[in-house]
Amino acid sequence: MDVMNTRIETLEEQVAHLTRTVEDLSDIVARQERELALLTRRAQMLMEREAERESQGGGVVVVGDERPPHY
């Protein structure tokens, strides 16, 4: 009977650890979902701003190694 009790206790401990791990992972996934939604909204806003800027600016492309027009 002691062997059976020990085995049951071991299984209960494992289940408790696994339950905790699942809860922790669930919290992490929920946080990542919120962060992803926020980043998606920000990226969409940036794309909309850039599209608006391009439509207002006449489609000027700025290349990093070009001199500014005042030179």
C-alpha atoms as a PDB file:
ATOM      1  CA  MET A   1       0.000   0.000   0.000  1.00  0.00           C
ATOM      2  CA  ASP A   2       2.923   2.371   0.709  1.00  0.00           C
ATOM      3  CA  VAL A   3       4.228   1.898  -2.822  1.00  0.00           C
ATOM      4  CA  MET A   4       0.817   2.808  -4.202  1.00  0.00           C
ATOM      5  CA  ASN A   5       0.569   5.938  -2.004  1.00  0.00           C
ATOM      6  CA  THR A   6       4.065   7.032  -2.956  1.00  0.00           C
ATOM      7  CA  ARG A   7       3.280   6.550  -6.607  1.00  0.00           C
ATOM      8  CA  ILE A   8       0.027   8.522  -6.295  1.00  0.00           C
ATOM      9  CA  GLU A   9       1.831  11.341  -4.476  1.00  0.00           C
ATOM     10  CA  THR A  10       4.483  11.445  -7.203  1.00  0.00           C
ATOM     11  CA  LEU A  11       1.807  11.633  -9.892  1.00  0.00           C
ATOM     12  CA  GLU A  12      -0.040  14.361  -7.988  1.00  0.00           C
ATOM     13  CA  GLU A  13       3.173  16.385  -7.755  1.00  0.00           C
ATOM     14  CA  GLN A  14       3.778  15.984 -11.474  1.00  0.00           C
ATOM     15  CA  VAL A  15       0.221  17.053 -12.262  1.00  0.00           C
ATOM     16  CA  ALA A  16       0.610  20.092 -10.007  1.00  0.00           C
ATOM     17  CA  HIS A  17       3.841  21.104 -11.766  1.00  0.00           C
ATOM     18  CA  LEU A  18       2.318  20.556 -15.196  1.00  0.00           C
ATOM     19  CA  THR A  19      -0.763  22.552 -14.236  1.00  0.00           C
ATOM     20  CA  ARG A  20       1.426  25.424 -13.089  1.00  0.00           C
ATOM     21  CA  THR A  21       3.443  25.260 -16.307  1.00  0.00           C
ATOM     22  CA  VAL A  22       0.286  25.331 -18.420  1.00  0.00           C
ATOM     23  CA  GLU A  23      -1.022  28.338 -16.473  1.00  0.00           C
ATOM     24  CA  ASP A  24       2.296  30.158 -16.883  1.00  0.00           C
ATOM     25  CA  LEU A  25       2.367  29.424 -20.612  1.00  0.00           C
ATOM     26  CA  SER A  26      -1.233  30.551 -20.945  1.00  0.00           C
ATOM     27  CA  ASP A  27      -0.341  33.868 -19.307  1.00  0.00           C
ATOM     28  CA  ILE A  28       2.623  34.270 -21.632  1.00  0.00           C
ATOM     29  CA  VAL A  29       0.539  33.550 -24.720  1.00  0.00           C
ATOM     30  CA  ALA A  30      -2.135  36.015 -23.595  1.00  0.00           C
ATOM     31  CA  ARG A  31       0.510  38.717 -23.055  1.00  0.00           C
ATOM     32  CA  GLN A  32       2.076  38.011 -26.437  1.00  0.00           C
ATOM     33  CA  GLU A  33      -1.353  38.209 -28.077  1.00  0.00           C
ATOM     34  CA  ARG A  34      -1.887  41.674 -26.577  1.00  0.00           C
ATOM     35  CA  GLU A  35       1.591  42.800 -27.644  1.00  0.00           C
ATOM     36  CA  LEU A  36       1.080  41.452 -31.150  1.00  0.00           C
ATOM     37  CA  ALA A  37      -2.257  43.259 -31.468  1.00  0.00           C
ATOM     38  CA  LEU A  38      -0.632  46.502 -30.306  1.00  0.00           C
ATOM     39  CA  LEU A  39       2.296  46.129 -32.707  1.00  0.00           C
ATOM     40  CA  THR A  40      -0.071  45.300 -35.566  1.00  0.00           C
ATOM     41  CA  ARG A  41      -2.081  48.467 -34.870  1.00  0.00           C
ATOM     42  CA  ARG A  42       1.101  50.541 -34.723  1.00  0.00           C
ATOM     43  CA  ALA A  43       2.410  49.077 -37.986  1.00  0.00           C
ATOM     44  CA  GLN A  44      -0.944  49.791 -39.656  1.00  0.00           C
ATOM     45  CA  MET A  45      -0.841  53.392 -38.408  1.00  0.00           C
ATOM     46  CA  LEU A  46       2.693  53.814 -39.738  1.00  0.00           C
ATOM     47  CA  MET A  47       1.720  52.401 -43.122  1.00  0.00           C
ATOM     48  CA  GLU A  48      -1.274  54.750 -43.281  1.00  0.00           C
ATOM     49  CA  ARG A  49       0.902  57.738 -42.348  1.00  0.00           C
ATOM     50  CA  GLU A  50       3.478  56.823 -44.957  1.00  0.00           C
ATOM     51  CA  ALA A  51       0.801  56.376 -47.620  1.00  0.00           C
ATOM     52  CA  GLU A  52      -0.620  59.794 -46.722  1.00  0.00           C
ATOM     53  CA  ARG A  53       2.839  61.356 -46.806  1.00  0.00           C
ATOM     54  CA  GLU A  54       3.555  59.825 -50.216  1.00  0.00           C
ATOM     55  CA  SER A  55       0.260  61.063 -51.629  1.00  0.00           C
ATOM     56  CA  GLN A  56       0.935  64.586 -50.348  1.00  0.00           C
ATOM     57  CA  GLY A  57       4.617  64.699 -51.253  1.00  0.00           C
ATOM     58  CA  GLY A  58       4.316  63.784 -54.911  1.00  0.00           C
ATOM     59  CA  GLY A  59       6.071  60.459 -54.504  1.00  0.00           C
ATOM     60  CA  VAL A  60       9.578  61.810 -53.854  1.00  0.00           C
ATOM     61  CA  VAL A  61      11.994  59.026 -53.016  1.00  0.00           C
ATOM     62  CA  VAL A  62      14.796  59.876 -50.603  1.00  0.00           C
ATOM     63  CA  VAL A  63      17.957  57.832 -50.956  1.00  0.00           C
ATOM     64  CA  GLY A  64      20.304  57.762 -47.979  1.00  0.00           C
ATOM     65  CA  ASP A  65      23.508  58.596 -49.859  1.00  0.00           C
ATOM     66  CA  GLU A  66      22.117  61.529 -51.873  1.00  0.00           C
ATOM     67  CA  ARG A  67      22.964  65.097 -50.945  1.00  0.00           C
ATOM     68  CA  PRO A  68      20.105  67.222 -49.682  1.00  0.00           C
ATOM     69  CA  PRO A  69      18.764  69.713 -52.268  1.00  0.00           C
ATOM     70  CA  HIS A  70      20.290  72.747 -50.512  1.00  0.00           C
ATOM     71  CA  TYR A  71      23.873  71.732 -51.452  1.00  0.00           C
END
